[in-house]
Amino acid sequence: MKRISKTARAAFSLIEILVVITIISVLVGLSVPAIGGAQERARGLEELSNLRQIGLSFRLYANDNDNQVLKGANWAAILRFGGNGSDTSSSGVLPESKIFRSPFDRRNIPVSNTTASILSFALNSTRLATVDLFEQIKTPSSLALLGPATTDGRTFTGSLGAAATLVKEITNGTMKRDAGTDNALSLINLLFADLHVETVKLGDYKKPGGFFEGAP
């Protein structure tokens, strides 16, 4: 009688192969959301860092200009290029172009040394219309100064020479919203008038007396 060697059975059966494929598919399915969540958190932290650096630049500008709040459609160009923002060959207090771009902003516009460069953040111009100096802001720690320049949480707008305005909501048939750079569009990263940065709930930003208006 011929004996069967222990090493003779080298091939896997079809069932074994299918089981392995199924296990791999399950593991991949479990890991993809985790990777996506980690990437989203990383983008959120980078956006907060960008806002923090812009906030420091607002302070530098105020120190050199009698504590004035930098306003107007070319505020970002002034920070990047200095002067009135029109001389793109010069440098301001924040010359690094990538700081003005949110990592959530997917517009296919190359970084350039012009006022057409991407600007992903919008100034709360409506609430600052009657304010000239930082000390005139009554509740700086609860008033949003700067936030993402979006109309629906995903579509960014604005450039260094033509900045968008941060709004509480946009009504056009259906309500749209400035917000939400997270997947659920439920959170928003903000630079406040006291120049601290924070991730807040969209509802707290938009509610009457919320961070858009400056809570008392």
Foldseek 3Di string as FASTA:
>chain_A
DDDDDPPPPDDDDPVVVVVVVVVVVVVVVVVVVVVVVVVLVVLVVLLLVLLLVVLVLQVVVCVVPVQWGQDDQQSLLCQQANDSNAPLVHGHVHNDLCSQDRPLAPDPDDADSHQQGDGFKAAQCVLCVPPTHLVVDPFQVQAFGMWGQDQALRHGDGTNNGGDHADLWDDDPHIGGPAAVDPVRQWIWTQTSVGHIDIDGNCQCNDVLHRNNHHD
